[in-house]
Amino acid sequence: MRRHTIARLLMVTGMTALITTAWMLGGLSGRARTAPPGGVQAPHTDHVGGQRMFMDYLMGGPLAAQAAQLAAAQLASRPAAAAPPRPRVFQTGGRTVREYTLEIVERTIDFGGGNTWTVWTYNGSVPGPTLRGRVGEVLRVRVINRHTRTHSFHTHLSHYPIEYDGSQMNVISGKGTGAMIPPGGEYTYQFLLESPGATYYHCHAADKEFPINQHILQGLYGMIVVDDARSAAVRQEVLFFAETTRVKKGDKVPTYVMNGLGVPGGELALEELFKEKGLPGVVEQLGKTVPFFKVKVGETLRLHVANLGNIEHSLHVHEIPLVSLGVLGGRPWPAQVVPLVSGALDTVQIRFRQPGLWLFHCHVVDHADRGMVGVFVVEP
């Protein structure tokens, strides 16, 4: 009897050591060969056949909290992102002027495996830089066209002279014809910021190969945020929904994108990646094929959400209400879904109570399956 008890103890001890060693070698999935970053202790609860399941880390609770800390530590080890452009600020005619410079340039987004999408951009990013100012200020935007086609800068601000429209009407009317900028040219647009809130800008040019909607979907869009004293103190982020264009290579470029990124196969693709490479493999895709935001539990965030695509999209964020500061005047969207017809925009205020890796995606679920999936990394 005693001999059997000792044998059982030795077997349990051996299995515990084996599981611990497997986790250290394999990361959270038991298969990837990366040690946990940041020195955060691994969760100890195993599931189904001794392996943790992907959804264990996308729910509130101890496992999710530790996974968020691991993800944040891995993200912190990356090189710092490029700082947003800083405007030149000066006084003229008794008003404050904020002047930004945007350059229209071509770049390639690499989704891996030979799958690339050629985009046209303001300052090299999709979306372009967020331009910010305050009520009563003048927003001045100098746009330099370093691309091979005519482009423009058209905003959805109100009450500006036609010289700053950036549309075909500049050519037709003969007023501000330079607002349709030829290759190698530049033009300066100017707007008085009268009302707080968010709106967007985009290219309004066209040619025989690329009508206006294709110029936009190539990546030429961005947000304008007009602050008042209250909004200026709150963290604000931007999320654009759109489709990709035909200027791509490979059969795994996403059909639908958020902030220019997408993962074909959506959540299932992330789950399969998790099984292959563990949580580090999933986190590696954040910012590469998957848009993400890092926040803290209890932190207030205003998210400006716009659909610049040709078809309807929607935003769903797991776990939290989406309080509409624009369309619904402070009430939450029913069922935590923001509906976005083409051209629609809203500002939603969010605050997480539970830590973890929380999904957001288009709730036209076919769109999520074909690219529109993102992650909030919510740290305790």
Protein backbone atom coordinates (compact mmCIF):
# COMPACT_ATOMS: atom_id res chain seq x y z
CA MET A 1 0.00 0.00 0.00
CA ARG A 2 2.75 2.43 0.95
CA ARG A 3 4.66 1.52 -2.23
CA HIS A 4 1.57 2.42 -4.36
CA THR A 5 1.15 5.77 -2.52
CA ILE A 6 4.78 6.74 -3.15
CA ALA A 7 4.41 5.79 -6.82
CA ARG A 8 1.33 7.97 -7.17
CA LEU A 9 3.10 10.93 -5.53
CA LEU A 10 6.05 10.53 -7.87
CA MET A 11 3.72 10.39 -10.87
CA VAL A 12 1.84 13.58 -9.82
CA THR A 13 5.13 15.40 -9.16
CA GLY A 14 6.46 14.34 -12.54
CA MET A 15 3.34 15.44 -14.36
CA THR A 16 3.40 18.85 -12.62
CA ALA A 17 7.02 19.37 -13.66
CA LEU A 18 6.21 18.28 -17.20
CA ILE A 19 3.29 20.73 -17.51
CA THR A 20 5.36 23.59 -16.06
CA THR A 21 8.24 22.85 -18.45
CA ALA A 22 5.86 22.60 -21.40
CA TRP A 23 4.37 26.00 -20.61
CA MET A 24 7.78 27.63 -20.27
CA LEU A 25 8.84 26.21 -23.64
CA GLY A 26 5.56 26.69 -25.41
CA GLY A 27 4.03 29.95 -24.19
CA LEU A 28 0.36 30.09 -23.28
CA SER A 29 -0.71 27.53 -25.89
CA GLY A 30 1.80 24.86 -24.86
CA ARG A 31 3.27 24.93 -28.40
CA ALA A 32 5.03 28.24 -29.18
CA ARG A 33 8.71 28.44 -28.26
CA THR A 34 8.65 31.83 -26.56
CA ALA A 35 9.09 32.44 -22.85
CA PRO A 36 6.53 34.79 -21.25
CA PRO A 37 7.67 38.43 -21.58
CA GLY A 38 7.76 40.86 -18.69
CA GLY A 39 8.16 38.22 -16.02
CA VAL A 40 4.38 37.85 -15.52
CA GLN A 41 3.47 34.54 -13.95
CA ALA A 42 1.53 32.12 -16.14
CA PRO A 43 -2.06 31.15 -15.36
CA HIS A 44 -2.19 27.66 -13.85
CA THR A 45 -5.63 26.41 -14.90
CA ASP A 46 -5.65 24.08 -17.89
CA HIS A 47 -8.66 23.11 -20.00
CA VAL A 48 -9.71 20.44 -22.48
CA GLY A 49 -6.96 17.92 -22.84
CA GLY A 50 -4.51 20.01 -20.80
CA GLN A 51 -4.52 22.97 -23.24
CA ARG A 52 -5.90 26.41 -22.56
CA MET A 53 -8.53 27.53 -25.04
CA PHE A 54 -8.26 30.74 -27.04
CA MET A 55 -11.46 32.19 -25.59
CA ASP A 56 -10.10 31.78 -22.06
CA TYR A 57 -8.00 34.87 -22.76
CA LEU A 58 -10.80 36.88 -24.36
CA MET A 59 -13.02 36.96 -21.27
CA GLY A 60 -12.89 38.81 -17.97
CA GLY A 61 -11.20 37.04 -15.06
CA PRO A 62 -7.77 36.00 -13.81
CA LEU A 63 -6.63 34.32 -17.03
CA ALA A 64 -7.64 37.30 -19.15
CA ALA A 65 -6.00 39.81 -16.81
CA GLN A 66 -2.69 37.98 -16.93
CA ALA A 67 -2.94 37.56 -20.70
CA ALA A 68 -3.48 41.32 -21.06
CA GLN A 69 -0.35 41.96 -18.99
CA LEU A 70 1.64 39.53 -21.12
CA ALA A 71 0.36 41.18 -24.30
CA ALA A 72 1.14 44.67 -22.99
CA ALA A 73 4.67 43.62 -22.08
CA GLN A 74 5.25 42.14 -25.54
CA LEU A 75 3.89 45.29 -27.20
CA ALA A 76 6.07 47.51 -25.00
CA SER A 77 9.19 45.82 -26.37
CA ARG A 78 8.47 47.09 -29.89
CA PRO A 79 10.15 50.19 -31.31
CA ALA A 80 8.23 53.37 -30.52
CA ALA A 81 5.63 54.35 -33.10
CA ALA A 82 6.19 57.48 -35.12
CA ALA A 83 4.86 60.56 -33.35
CA PRO A 84 1.85 62.27 -34.97
CA PRO A 85 2.66 65.47 -36.85
CA ARG A 86 2.81 68.58 -34.71
CA PRO A 87 1.18 71.65 -36.16
CA ARG A 88 2.83 75.02 -36.46
CA VAL A 89 0.85 77.27 -34.11
CA PHE A 90 0.83 81.05 -34.50
CA GLN A 91 -1.39 84.11 -34.20
CA THR A 92 -2.79 86.13 -37.08
CA GLY A 93 -5.69 88.58 -37.22
CA GLY A 94 -6.44 87.94 -33.57
CA ARG A 95 -6.94 84.19 -34.06
CA THR A 96 -4.84 81.14 -33.33
CA VAL A 97 -3.83 79.23 -36.47
CA ARG A 98 -2.86 75.55 -36.41
CA GLU A 99 -1.08 74.63 -39.60
CA TYR A 100 -0.46 71.02 -40.58
CA THR A 101 1.54 69.73 -43.53
CA LEU A 102 0.35 66.56 -45.29
CA GLU A 103 2.24 64.76 -48.05
CA ILE A 104 0.39 62.41 -50.39
CA VAL A 105 2.63 59.37 -50.92
CA GLU A 106 2.28 55.75 -52.00
CA ARG A 107 3.24 52.85 -49.77
CA THR A 108 2.67 49.11 -49.47
CA ILE A 109 0.96 47.35 -46.57
CA ASP A 110 2.42 43.87 -46.12
CA PHE A 111 0.05 41.28 -44.65
CA GLY A 112 2.69 38.53 -44.84
CA GLY A 113 3.05 35.51 -47.09
CA GLY A 114 3.38 37.61 -50.24
CA ASN A 115 0.03 39.33 -49.65
CA THR A 116 0.34 43.09 -50.14
CA TRP A 117 -1.92 46.08 -50.73
CA THR A 118 -0.65 49.23 -52.44
CA VAL A 119 -2.20 52.31 -50.85
CA TRP A 120 -2.15 56.07 -51.37
CA THR A 121 -1.78 57.93 -48.12
CA TYR A 122 -1.59 61.22 -46.32
CA ASN A 123 1.81 61.09 -44.57
CA GLY A 124 2.29 57.37 -45.11
CA SER A 125 -0.50 55.96 -42.93
CA VAL A 126 -4.05 54.64 -43.30
CA PRO A 127 -5.91 56.50 -41.98
CA GLY A 128 -3.98 59.74 -42.35
CA PRO A 129 -3.00 61.81 -39.30
CA THR A 130 -5.73 63.08 -37.00
CA LEU A 131 -5.85 66.87 -37.29
CA ARG A 132 -6.84 68.61 -34.06
CA GLY A 133 -7.81 72.14 -33.20
CA ARG A 134 -10.05 74.09 -30.84
CA VAL A 135 -13.28 75.94 -31.35
CA GLY A 136 -12.52 79.44 -32.64
CA GLU A 137 -9.17 78.52 -34.14
CA VAL A 138 -8.20 78.40 -37.79
CA LEU A 139 -7.17 75.03 -39.20
CA ARG A 140 -4.72 75.46 -42.06
CA VAL A 141 -3.63 72.38 -44.04
CA ARG A 142 -0.79 72.50 -46.54
CA VAL A 143 -1.03 69.48 -48.85
CA ILE A 144 1.88 68.41 -51.06
CA ASN A 145 1.15 65.85 -53.78
CA ARG A 146 4.13 63.54 -54.20
CA HIS A 147 2.09 60.95 -56.10
CA THR A 148 1.64 60.39 -59.84
CA ARG A 149 -2.07 61.31 -59.99
CA THR A 150 -4.11 64.41 -59.16
CA HIS A 151 -5.41 64.40 -55.58
CA SER A 152 -7.17 66.76 -53.18
CA PHE A 153 -8.14 67.41 -49.56
CA HIS A 154 -11.90 67.63 -49.00
CA THR A 155 -13.37 67.99 -45.51
CA HIS A 156 -16.84 67.57 -44.00
CA LEU A 157 -16.48 70.78 -42.03
CA SER A 158 -19.08 73.53 -42.51
CA HIS A 159 -19.20 77.08 -43.87
CA TYR A 160 -15.92 77.44 -45.74
CA PRO A 161 -15.22 79.27 -49.03
CA ILE A 162 -15.39 77.22 -52.21
CA GLU A 163 -11.66 77.84 -52.75
CA TYR A 164 -11.05 75.22 -50.05
CA ASP A 165 -13.56 72.60 -51.23
CA GLY A 166 -11.05 70.26 -52.86
CA SER A 167 -13.59 68.93 -55.37
CA GLN A 168 -14.39 69.01 -59.08
CA MET A 169 -16.36 72.24 -58.45
CA ASN A 170 -13.06 74.07 -58.04
CA VAL A 171 -12.23 73.26 -61.65
CA ILE A 172 -15.76 73.85 -62.97
CA SER A 173 -16.24 77.16 -61.16
CA GLY A 174 -12.73 78.39 -61.84
CA LYS A 175 -12.34 79.29 -58.15
CA GLY A 176 -9.50 77.69 -56.24
CA THR A 177 -8.52 75.46 -59.16
CA GLY A 178 -5.29 74.63 -57.36
CA ALA A 179 -7.30 72.74 -54.74
CA MET A 180 -7.24 69.82 -57.18
CA ILE A 181 -3.52 69.23 -56.80
CA PRO A 182 -1.56 67.87 -59.80
CA PRO A 183 1.47 65.60 -59.33
CA GLY A 184 4.29 67.60 -57.79
CA GLY A 185 1.98 70.47 -56.79
CA GLU A 186 0.76 71.76 -53.45
CA TYR A 187 -2.15 73.77 -52.08
CA THR A 188 -3.09 75.26 -48.71
CA TYR A 189 -6.64 74.88 -47.39
CA GLN A 190 -8.04 76.93 -44.51
CA PHE A 191 -11.07 76.48 -42.23
CA LEU A 192 -12.56 78.30 -39.26
CA LEU A 193 -13.41 75.76 -36.55
CA GLU A 194 -16.83 76.79 -35.25
CA SER A 195 -18.30 73.69 -33.54
CA PRO A 196 -16.79 70.97 -31.32
CA GLY A 197 -16.83 67.35 -32.41
CA ALA A 198 -15.29 65.09 -35.00
CA THR A 199 -15.52 64.91 -38.76
CA TYR A 200 -13.29 63.56 -41.50
CA TYR A 201 -11.34 64.48 -44.59
CA HIS A 202 -10.65 62.55 -47.77
CA CYS A 203 -9.50 62.87 -51.37
CA HIS A 204 -12.21 64.02 -53.80
CA ALA A 205 -10.22 63.63 -57.02
CA ALA A 206 -10.93 61.14 -59.80
CA ASP A 207 -9.53 59.88 -63.09
CA LYS A 208 -10.56 57.33 -65.71
CA GLU A 209 -9.06 54.36 -63.88
CA PHE A 210 -9.95 55.44 -60.35
CA PRO A 211 -13.26 57.23 -59.65
CA ILE A 212 -13.68 59.21 -56.43
CA ASN A 213 -14.62 56.24 -54.26
CA GLN A 214 -11.46 54.41 -55.34
CA HIS A 215 -9.26 57.39 -54.47
CA ILE A 216 -10.81 57.29 -50.99
CA LEU A 217 -10.56 53.52 -50.56
CA GLN A 218 -6.91 53.61 -51.63
CA GLY A 219 -6.34 55.07 -48.14
CA LEU A 220 -6.74 58.81 -48.60
CA TYR A 221 -8.83 59.66 -45.54
CA GLY A 222 -8.40 60.80 -41.95
CA MET A 223 -10.13 62.46 -38.98
CA ILE A 224 -10.49 66.06 -37.83
CA VAL A 225 -11.20 66.58 -34.12
CA VAL A 226 -12.39 69.98 -32.89
CA ASP A 227 -12.01 70.21 -29.12
CA ASP A 228 -13.66 72.33 -26.51
CA ALA A 229 -12.32 72.64 -22.96
CA ARG A 230 -13.95 69.39 -21.81
CA SER A 231 -13.09 67.10 -24.71
CA ALA A 232 -9.46 68.25 -24.85
CA ALA A 233 -8.81 66.58 -21.49
CA VAL A 234 -10.12 63.13 -22.54
CA ARG A 235 -8.12 60.54 -24.47
CA GLN A 236 -9.43 60.23 -28.02
CA GLU A 237 -8.80 57.59 -30.68
CA VAL A 238 -9.98 57.00 -34.25
CA LEU A 239 -11.41 53.93 -35.99
CA PHE A 240 -12.21 53.88 -39.72
CA PHE A 241 -14.15 51.15 -41.54
CA ALA A 242 -13.56 50.65 -45.27
CA GLU A 243 -12.90 48.13 -48.02
CA THR A 244 -9.68 47.35 -49.84
CA THR A 245 -9.17 48.03 -53.56
CA ARG A 246 -7.97 46.00 -56.51
CA VAL A 247 -4.35 47.21 -56.23
CA LYS A 248 -3.19 44.17 -54.27
CA LYS A 249 -1.24 40.95 -54.66
CA GLY A 250 -1.93 37.53 -53.20
CA ASP A 251 -5.17 35.78 -52.32
CA LYS A 252 -5.16 36.62 -48.60
CA VAL A 253 -5.41 40.39 -48.58
CA PRO A 254 -8.49 41.19 -46.45
CA THR A 255 -11.63 42.36 -48.21
CA TYR A 256 -12.65 44.63 -45.33
CA VAL A 257 -10.35 46.69 -43.12
CA MET A 258 -10.39 48.83 -40.00
CA ASN A 259 -7.70 51.53 -39.93
CA GLY A 260 -6.21 49.89 -43.01
CA LEU A 261 -5.70 46.50 -41.32
CA GLY A 262 -7.54 43.20 -41.48
CA VAL A 263 -7.10 39.49 -40.91
CA PRO A 264 -8.79 37.14 -43.41
CA GLY A 265 -10.65 34.45 -41.48
CA GLY A 266 -11.31 36.79 -38.57
CA GLU A 267 -11.51 35.32 -35.09
CA LEU A 268 -11.15 31.75 -36.35
CA ALA A 269 -7.85 32.68 -38.00
CA LEU A 270 -6.65 34.17 -34.71
CA GLU A 271 -7.71 31.04 -32.84
CA GLU A 272 -5.80 28.82 -35.28
CA LEU A 273 -2.76 31.07 -34.90
CA PHE A 274 -3.10 30.76 -31.12
CA LYS A 275 -3.09 26.97 -31.35
CA GLU A 276 0.05 27.10 -33.49
CA LYS A 277 2.09 29.82 -31.77
CA GLY A 278 0.34 30.65 -28.52
CA LEU A 279 -0.55 34.09 -27.28
CA PRO A 280 2.77 35.64 -28.44
CA GLY A 281 1.85 34.69 -32.01
CA VAL A 282 -1.49 36.48 -31.73
CA VAL A 283 0.06 39.57 -30.15
CA GLU A 284 2.62 39.66 -32.96
CA GLN A 285 -0.27 40.40 -35.36
CA LEU A 286 -1.49 43.41 -33.37
CA GLY A 287 -0.70 46.47 -35.43
CA LYS A 288 0.33 44.28 -38.38
CA THR A 289 -2.95 42.71 -39.50
CA VAL A 290 -5.11 43.45 -36.42
CA PRO A 291 -5.89 46.98 -35.18
CA PHE A 292 -5.64 47.38 -31.42
CA PHE A 293 -5.89 49.89 -28.59
CA LYS A 294 -4.23 49.66 -25.17
CA VAL A 295 -6.32 50.94 -22.26
CA LYS A 296 -6.55 50.55 -18.51
CA VAL A 297 -9.53 49.30 -16.51
CA GLY A 298 -11.64 52.34 -15.65
CA GLU A 299 -9.99 54.61 -18.23
CA THR A 300 -12.39 56.79 -20.22
CA LEU A 301 -11.84 56.74 -23.97
CA ARG A 302 -13.66 58.57 -26.74
CA LEU A 303 -13.59 56.61 -29.96
CA HIS A 304 -14.45 58.47 -33.17
CA VAL A 305 -15.88 55.85 -35.54
CA ALA A 306 -16.44 56.46 -39.26
CA ASN A 307 -17.38 54.37 -42.27
CA LEU A 308 -15.61 55.55 -45.43
CA GLY A 309 -16.51 52.37 -47.31
CA ASN A 310 -19.16 51.92 -49.99
CA ILE A 311 -21.33 49.52 -47.99
CA GLU A 312 -22.78 49.35 -44.49
CA HIS A 313 -20.57 48.33 -41.59
CA SER A 314 -21.09 48.33 -37.81
CA LEU A 315 -19.05 48.32 -34.61
CA HIS A 316 -19.49 45.85 -31.78
CA VAL A 317 -17.19 45.82 -28.74
CA HIS A 318 -17.41 42.88 -26.38
CA GLU A 319 -18.28 43.46 -22.70
CA ILE A 320 -19.11 47.18 -22.65
CA PRO A 321 -21.89 49.61 -23.57
CA LEU A 322 -21.11 52.03 -26.39
CA VAL A 323 -22.34 55.42 -25.21
CA SER A 324 -23.15 57.58 -28.22
CA LEU A 325 -22.05 61.17 -27.62
CA GLY A 326 -23.10 62.24 -31.10
CA VAL A 327 -26.05 60.46 -32.69
CA LEU A 328 -27.90 59.44 -29.51
CA GLY A 329 -26.87 62.37 -27.30
CA GLY A 330 -25.37 60.37 -24.44
CA ARG A 331 -27.47 57.21 -24.63
CA PRO A 332 -25.90 53.79 -25.33
CA TRP A 333 -26.46 52.04 -28.64
CA PRO A 334 -28.89 49.10 -28.30
CA ALA A 335 -27.17 45.71 -28.17
CA GLN A 336 -23.73 47.40 -28.13
CA VAL A 337 -23.76 47.81 -31.92
CA VAL A 338 -23.07 51.11 -33.72
CA PRO A 339 -24.71 51.03 -37.19
CA LEU A 340 -22.67 52.81 -39.87
CA VAL A 341 -24.07 53.44 -43.32
CA SER A 342 -21.57 54.71 -45.87
CA GLY A 343 -20.26 58.10 -44.72
CA ALA A 344 -21.69 57.81 -41.20
CA LEU A 345 -19.76 58.91 -38.12
CA ASP A 346 -20.33 58.80 -34.37
CA THR A 347 -18.29 59.33 -31.23
CA VAL A 348 -18.74 56.66 -28.58
CA GLN A 349 -17.46 56.83 -25.03
CA ILE A 350 -16.21 53.57 -23.58
CA ARG A 351 -14.90 52.36 -20.24
CA PHE A 352 -13.93 48.79 -19.40
CA ARG A 353 -14.61 47.23 -15.99
CA GLN A 354 -12.93 43.92 -16.70
CA PRO A 355 -9.31 43.38 -17.78
CA GLY A 356 -8.40 41.13 -20.67
CA LEU A 357 -8.11 40.94 -24.42
CA TRP A 358 -11.49 42.16 -25.61
CA LEU A 359 -12.57 41.79 -29.22
CA PHE A 360 -14.14 44.47 -31.39
CA HIS A 361 -15.38 43.80 -34.91
CA CYS A 362 -17.93 44.62 -37.57
CA HIS A 363 -21.22 42.98 -36.65
CA VAL A 364 -22.03 42.37 -40.26
CA VAL A 365 -20.39 39.11 -39.26
CA ASP A 366 -19.35 38.16 -42.78
CA HIS A 367 -17.23 41.33 -42.76
CA ALA A 368 -15.57 40.24 -39.52
CA ASP A 369 -14.86 36.84 -41.04
CA ARG A 370 -13.17 38.58 -43.97
CA GLY A 371 -11.01 41.01 -42.06
CA MET A 372 -12.75 43.36 -39.65
CA VAL A 373 -11.49 42.14 -36.27
CA GLY A 374 -9.58 44.13 -33.64
CA VAL A 375 -8.51 43.86 -29.99
CA PHE A 376 -8.60 46.07 -26.93
CA VAL A 377 -5.69 45.19 -24.62
CA VAL A 378 -7.22 46.11 -21.27
CA GLU A 379 -4.71 46.09 -18.42
CA PRO A 380 -5.75 45.84 -14.75
